[in-house]
Amino acid sequence: MDFTRLNADNFKRWIKNQDEFDTTLENNLAGNNLIGASVETKFGRKKIVQHIIIENGNSTKVIKEFLENGGTLKQINGDEYLIEVSSGAFMINKRYVIV
């Protein structure tokens, strides 16, 4: 590999050619290593309420619980995260949470 042309794409190609790192890189690039991680909000109640989409549960309880205790990342769909708390689950864009 010509290291004078090192950029993200060349690095990914080089890593893919390294057998022991192949699946780890793919999982990391897809965000699969984040599933099950603890998640908390970056913002306050007002901002979160504007951007949350409740999947199941009582919206008031889900939001309150998330703001107080955080949640668990259950699924990644592009830039949207499915986050679960004990009282339900919701979707929110990844820019509104800290993993």
C-alpha atoms as a PDB file:
ATOM      1  CA  MET A   1       0.000   0.000   0.000  1.00  0.00           C
ATOM      2  CA  ASP A   2       1.250   3.455  -0.895  1.00  0.00           C
ATOM      3  CA  PHE A   3       0.940   5.394   2.363  1.00  0.00           C
ATOM      4  CA  THR A   4       1.299   8.743   0.590  1.00  0.00           C
ATOM      5  CA  ARG A   5      -2.235   8.160  -0.667  1.00  0.00           C
ATOM      6  CA  LEU A   6      -3.705   7.219   2.681  1.00  0.00           C
ATOM      7  CA  ASN A   7      -7.344   8.210   2.990  1.00  0.00           C
ATOM      8  CA  ALA A   8     -10.441   6.592   4.469  1.00  0.00           C
ATOM      9  CA  ASP A   9     -11.316   4.569   1.362  1.00  0.00           C
ATOM     10  CA  ASN A  10      -7.790   3.240   0.907  1.00  0.00           C
ATOM     11  CA  PHE A  11      -7.613   2.399   4.584  1.00  0.00           C
ATOM     12  CA  LYS A  12     -10.919   0.472   4.438  1.00  0.00           C
ATOM     13  CA  ARG A  13      -9.677  -1.462   1.389  1.00  0.00           C
ATOM     14  CA  TRP A  14      -6.420  -2.270   3.137  1.00  0.00           C
ATOM     15  CA  ILE A  15      -8.191  -3.430   6.318  1.00  0.00           C
ATOM     16  CA  LYS A  16     -10.596  -5.589   4.294  1.00  0.00           C
ATOM     17  CA  ASN A  17      -7.578  -7.399   2.881  1.00  0.00           C
ATOM     18  CA  GLN A  18      -6.443  -8.235   6.401  1.00  0.00           C
ATOM     19  CA  ASP A  19      -8.301 -11.503   7.147  1.00  0.00           C
ATOM     20  CA  GLU A  20      -8.458 -11.185  10.919  1.00  0.00           C
ATOM     21  CA  PHE A  21      -9.968  -7.684  10.794  1.00  0.00           C
ATOM     22  CA  ASP A  22     -12.484  -8.164   7.987  1.00  0.00           C
ATOM     23  CA  THR A  23     -15.674  -8.846   9.962  1.00  0.00           C
ATOM     24  CA  THR A  24     -14.741  -6.481  12.762  1.00  0.00           C
ATOM     25  CA  LEU A  25     -14.336  -3.592  10.330  1.00  0.00           C
ATOM     26  CA  GLU A  26     -17.610  -4.331   8.560  1.00  0.00           C
ATOM     27  CA  ASN A  27     -19.475  -4.491  11.869  1.00  0.00           C
ATOM     28  CA  ASN A  28     -17.897  -1.257  13.077  1.00  0.00           C
ATOM     29  CA  LEU A  29     -18.644   0.558   9.833  1.00  0.00           C
ATOM     30  CA  ALA A  30     -22.272  -0.584   9.992  1.00  0.00           C
ATOM     31  CA  GLY A  31     -22.554   0.440  13.645  1.00  0.00           C
ATOM     32  CA  ASN A  32     -23.335  -3.128  14.738  1.00  0.00           C
ATOM     33  CA  ASN A  33     -20.925  -2.857  17.647  1.00  0.00           C
ATOM     34  CA  LEU A  34     -23.214  -0.201  19.145  1.00  0.00           C
ATOM     35  CA  ILE A  35     -26.237  -2.505  19.558  1.00  0.00           C
ATOM     36  CA  GLY A  36     -26.906  -2.977  23.263  1.00  0.00           C
ATOM     37  CA  ALA A  37     -24.992   0.156  24.243  1.00  0.00           C
ATOM     38  CA  SER A  38     -26.316   2.596  26.817  1.00  0.00           C
ATOM     39  CA  VAL A  39     -27.670   5.806  25.326  1.00  0.00           C
ATOM     40  CA  GLU A  40     -28.474   9.154  26.906  1.00  0.00           C
ATOM     41  CA  THR A  41     -29.758  12.447  25.614  1.00  0.00           C
ATOM     42  CA  LYS A  42     -27.582  15.322  24.447  1.00  0.00           C
ATOM     43  CA  PHE A  43     -30.414  17.804  24.915  1.00  0.00           C
ATOM     44  CA  GLY A  44     -33.216  18.705  27.298  1.00  0.00           C
ATOM     45  CA  ARG A  45     -36.832  17.621  27.334  1.00  0.00           C
ATOM     46  CA  LYS A  46     -38.122  20.290  24.942  1.00  0.00           C
ATOM     47  CA  LYS A  47     -35.685  19.382  22.142  1.00  0.00           C
ATOM     48  CA  ILE A  48     -36.103  15.611  22.593  1.00  0.00           C
ATOM     49  CA  VAL A  49     -39.915  15.790  22.546  1.00  0.00           C
ATOM     50  CA  GLN A  50     -39.748  17.536  19.167  1.00  0.00           C
ATOM     51  CA  HIS A  51     -37.662  14.775  17.563  1.00  0.00           C
ATOM     52  CA  ILE A  52     -38.822  11.536  19.169  1.00  0.00           C
ATOM     53  CA  ILE A  53     -41.127   9.010  17.488  1.00  0.00           C
ATOM     54  CA  ILE A  54     -42.737   6.674  20.027  1.00  0.00           C
ATOM     55  CA  GLU A  55     -42.831   3.044  18.833  1.00  0.00           C
ATOM     56  CA  ASN A  56     -44.624   1.636  21.876  1.00  0.00           C
ATOM     57  CA  GLY A  57     -45.506   2.675  25.391  1.00  0.00           C
ATOM     58  CA  ASN A  58     -46.921   5.803  26.970  1.00  0.00           C
ATOM     59  CA  SER A  59     -45.076   8.779  25.474  1.00  0.00           C
ATOM     60  CA  THR A  60     -44.934  10.721  28.737  1.00  0.00           C
ATOM     61  CA  LYS A  61     -43.470   7.760  30.655  1.00  0.00           C
ATOM     62  CA  VAL A  62     -41.045   6.800  27.880  1.00  0.00           C
ATOM     63  CA  ILE A  63     -39.662  10.327  27.567  1.00  0.00           C
ATOM     64  CA  LYS A  64     -39.429  10.846  31.325  1.00  0.00           C
ATOM     65  CA  GLU A  65     -37.640   7.552  31.833  1.00  0.00           C
ATOM     66  CA  PHE A  66     -35.208   8.236  28.986  1.00  0.00           C
ATOM     67  CA  LEU A  67     -34.377  11.703  30.294  1.00  0.00           C
ATOM     68  CA  GLU A  68     -33.806  10.389  33.831  1.00  0.00           C
ATOM     69  CA  ASN A  69     -32.107   7.039  33.177  1.00  0.00           C
ATOM     70  CA  GLY A  70     -31.138   6.829  29.512  1.00  0.00           C
ATOM     71  CA  GLY A  71     -31.932   3.762  27.447  1.00  0.00           C
ATOM     72  CA  THR A  72     -30.502   0.887  25.415  1.00  0.00           C
ATOM     73  CA  LEU A  73     -29.761   1.028  21.701  1.00  0.00           C
ATOM     74  CA  LYS A  74     -31.687  -1.835  20.083  1.00  0.00           C
ATOM     75  CA  GLN A  75     -31.481  -1.142  16.351  1.00  0.00           C
ATOM     76  CA  ILE A  76     -29.795   1.169  13.861  1.00  0.00           C
ATOM     77  CA  ASN A  77     -31.614   2.195  10.695  1.00  0.00           C
ATOM     78  CA  GLY A  78     -29.348   4.639   8.869  1.00  0.00           C
ATOM     79  CA  ASP A  79     -29.209   7.742  11.053  1.00  0.00           C
ATOM     80  CA  GLU A  80     -32.188   6.639  13.160  1.00  0.00           C
ATOM     81  CA  TYR A  81     -31.760   4.743  16.423  1.00  0.00           C
ATOM     82  CA  LEU A  82     -34.377   2.539  18.056  1.00  0.00           C
ATOM     83  CA  ILE A  83     -33.942   3.055  21.773  1.00  0.00           C
ATOM     84  CA  GLU A  84     -35.626   0.970  24.439  1.00  0.00           C
ATOM     85  CA  VAL A  85     -36.494   1.886  28.007  1.00  0.00           C
ATOM     86  CA  SER A  86     -38.442  -0.311  30.428  1.00  0.00           C
ATOM     87  CA  SER A  87     -41.713   1.501  29.660  1.00  0.00           C
ATOM     88  CA  GLY A  88     -41.425   1.365  25.846  1.00  0.00           C
ATOM     89  CA  ALA A  89     -39.331   2.213  22.798  1.00  0.00           C
ATOM     90  CA  PHE A  90     -38.820   5.100  20.406  1.00  0.00           C
ATOM     91  CA  MET A  91     -36.934   6.197  17.293  1.00  0.00           C
ATOM     92  CA  ILE A  92     -34.711   9.270  17.255  1.00  0.00           C
ATOM     93  CA  ASN A  93     -31.959  10.618  15.038  1.00  0.00           C
ATOM     94  CA  LYS A  94     -28.487   9.761  16.281  1.00  0.00           C
ATOM     95  CA  ARG A  95     -27.468  13.426  16.546  1.00  0.00           C
ATOM     96  CA  TYR A  96     -29.762  13.848  19.564  1.00  0.00           C
ATOM     97  CA  VAL A  97     -28.171  11.136  21.712  1.00  0.00           C
ATOM     98  CA  ILE A  98     -24.835  10.107  23.175  1.00  0.00           C
ATOM     99  CA  VAL A  99     -23.830   6.451  22.897  1.00  0.00           C
END
